[in-house]
N, C-alpha and C. Protein backbone atom coordinates (compact mmCIF):
# COMPACT_ATOMS: atom_id res chain seq x y z
N MET A 1 -20.99 -13.61 -15.77
CA MET A 1 -19.64 -13.14 -15.93
C MET A 1 -18.70 -14.32 -16.08
N SER A 2 -17.75 -14.17 -16.97
CA SER A 2 -16.77 -15.23 -17.17
C SER A 2 -15.57 -15.03 -16.24
N GLU A 3 -14.79 -16.07 -16.12
CA GLU A 3 -13.59 -15.99 -15.30
C GLU A 3 -12.64 -14.91 -15.84
N ALA A 4 -12.56 -14.81 -17.16
CA ALA A 4 -11.68 -13.81 -17.77
C ALA A 4 -12.14 -12.39 -17.42
N THR A 5 -13.44 -12.17 -17.35
CA THR A 5 -13.97 -10.85 -16.99
C THR A 5 -13.59 -10.50 -15.56
N ILE A 6 -13.75 -11.45 -14.66
CA ILE A 6 -13.39 -11.24 -13.25
C ILE A 6 -11.91 -10.91 -13.13
N LYS A 7 -11.07 -11.69 -13.81
CA LYS A 7 -9.63 -11.46 -13.74
C LYS A 7 -9.26 -10.07 -14.27
N ALA A 8 -9.92 -9.66 -15.33
CA ALA A 8 -9.65 -8.33 -15.90
C ALA A 8 -10.02 -7.24 -14.91
N HIS A 9 -11.14 -7.39 -14.23
CA HIS A 9 -11.57 -6.38 -13.26
C HIS A 9 -10.65 -6.36 -12.05
N VAL A 10 -10.26 -7.53 -11.56
CA VAL A 10 -9.34 -7.60 -10.42
C VAL A 10 -8.02 -6.94 -10.79
N THR A 11 -7.52 -7.22 -11.99
CA THR A 11 -6.26 -6.61 -12.45
C THR A 11 -6.38 -5.09 -12.49
N ALA A 12 -7.51 -4.59 -12.96
CA ALA A 12 -7.71 -3.13 -13.03
C ALA A 12 -7.73 -2.52 -11.64
N VAL A 13 -8.37 -3.18 -10.70
CA VAL A 13 -8.42 -2.67 -9.32
C VAL A 13 -7.02 -2.66 -8.71
N LEU A 14 -6.27 -3.74 -8.93
CA LEU A 14 -4.92 -3.81 -8.38
C LEU A 14 -4.06 -2.69 -8.95
N ARG A 15 -4.17 -2.43 -10.24
CA ARG A 15 -3.40 -1.34 -10.86
C ARG A 15 -3.78 0.01 -10.26
N LYS A 16 -5.09 0.24 -10.09
CA LYS A 16 -5.55 1.52 -9.52
C LYS A 16 -5.00 1.73 -8.12
N LEU A 17 -4.92 0.65 -7.34
CA LEU A 17 -4.41 0.74 -5.98
C LEU A 17 -2.89 0.78 -5.94
N GLY A 18 -2.25 0.44 -7.05
CA GLY A 18 -0.79 0.42 -7.09
C GLY A 18 -0.18 -0.73 -6.32
N VAL A 19 -0.87 -1.88 -6.35
CA VAL A 19 -0.39 -3.07 -5.65
C VAL A 19 -0.23 -4.22 -6.64
N ASN A 20 0.41 -5.30 -6.17
CA ASN A 20 0.71 -6.43 -7.04
C ASN A 20 -0.18 -7.65 -6.85
N ASN A 21 -0.89 -7.72 -5.71
CA ASN A 21 -1.72 -8.89 -5.48
C ASN A 21 -2.89 -8.54 -4.56
N ARG A 22 -3.79 -9.50 -4.39
CA ARG A 22 -5.01 -9.26 -3.59
C ARG A 22 -4.70 -9.03 -2.12
N THR A 23 -3.67 -9.69 -1.60
CA THR A 23 -3.30 -9.47 -0.20
C THR A 23 -2.88 -8.03 0.03
N GLN A 24 -2.05 -7.52 -0.88
CA GLN A 24 -1.63 -6.12 -0.77
C GLN A 24 -2.83 -5.19 -0.92
N ALA A 25 -3.79 -5.56 -1.77
CA ALA A 25 -5.00 -4.74 -1.96
C ALA A 25 -5.80 -4.66 -0.66
N VAL A 26 -5.90 -5.77 0.04
CA VAL A 26 -6.63 -5.78 1.32
C VAL A 26 -5.92 -4.89 2.34
N LEU A 27 -4.60 -4.99 2.39
CA LEU A 27 -3.84 -4.15 3.32
C LEU A 27 -3.98 -2.67 2.96
N MET A 28 -3.96 -2.38 1.67
CA MET A 28 -4.13 -0.99 1.22
C MET A 28 -5.53 -0.48 1.58
N ALA A 29 -6.53 -1.32 1.39
CA ALA A 29 -7.90 -0.93 1.73
C ALA A 29 -8.00 -0.59 3.21
N GLY A 30 -7.31 -1.37 4.04
CA GLY A 30 -7.29 -1.07 5.48
C GLY A 30 -6.64 0.26 5.76
N ARG A 31 -5.56 0.56 5.06
CA ARG A 31 -4.89 1.85 5.23
C ARG A 31 -5.75 3.00 4.76
N LEU A 32 -6.55 2.75 3.73
CA LEU A 32 -7.41 3.80 3.19
C LEU A 32 -8.73 3.91 3.95
N ALA A 33 -8.93 3.02 4.94
CA ALA A 33 -10.15 3.00 5.74
C ALA A 33 -11.39 2.88 4.86
N VAL A 34 -11.35 1.90 3.95
CA VAL A 34 -12.48 1.66 3.06
C VAL A 34 -13.65 1.15 3.89
N ASP A 35 -14.78 1.80 3.74
CA ASP A 35 -16.00 1.44 4.44
C ASP A 35 -16.95 0.78 3.44
N PRO A 36 -17.16 -0.56 3.51
CA PRO A 36 -18.01 -1.22 2.53
C PRO A 36 -19.45 -0.68 2.54
N ASP A 37 -19.90 -0.18 3.68
CA ASP A 37 -21.25 0.37 3.74
C ASP A 37 -21.34 1.72 3.03
N GLY A 38 -20.18 2.33 2.80
CA GLY A 38 -20.16 3.62 2.14
C GLY A 38 -20.00 3.53 0.63
N VAL A 39 -19.86 2.31 0.11
CA VAL A 39 -19.71 2.12 -1.33
C VAL A 39 -21.05 2.29 -2.01
N VAL A 40 -21.09 3.12 -3.04
CA VAL A 40 -22.32 3.35 -3.79
C VAL A 40 -22.13 2.78 -5.18
N LEU A 41 -22.97 1.79 -5.54
CA LEU A 41 -22.90 1.18 -6.85
C LEU A 41 -23.52 2.07 -7.92
N PRO A 42 -22.99 1.98 -9.15
CA PRO A 42 -23.63 2.71 -10.24
C PRO A 42 -25.05 2.16 -10.44
N PRO A 43 -25.96 2.96 -10.98
CA PRO A 43 -27.36 2.53 -11.12
C PRO A 43 -27.54 1.24 -11.88
N GLU A 44 -26.70 0.96 -12.88
CA GLU A 44 -26.87 -0.25 -13.67
C GLU A 44 -26.49 -1.51 -12.90
N GLU A 45 -25.85 -1.39 -11.73
CA GLU A 45 -25.47 -2.55 -10.96
C GLU A 45 -26.36 -2.78 -9.74
N ILE A 46 -27.34 -1.95 -9.55
CA ILE A 46 -28.27 -2.12 -8.43
C ILE A 46 -29.40 -3.03 -8.87
N ASP A 47 -29.63 -4.10 -8.08
CA ASP A 47 -30.70 -5.07 -8.42
C ASP A 47 -32.05 -4.55 -8.06
């Protein structure tokens, strides 16, 4: 993955969350009670 790809994905996540930066995204995730163990990856991303 290139740096540009990562930036594009981060930007998309920030937009979906309705925040302006990564710090706000972390705070929003805390408010949403995001459980990293509950995240299910799409089949193409499972090693």
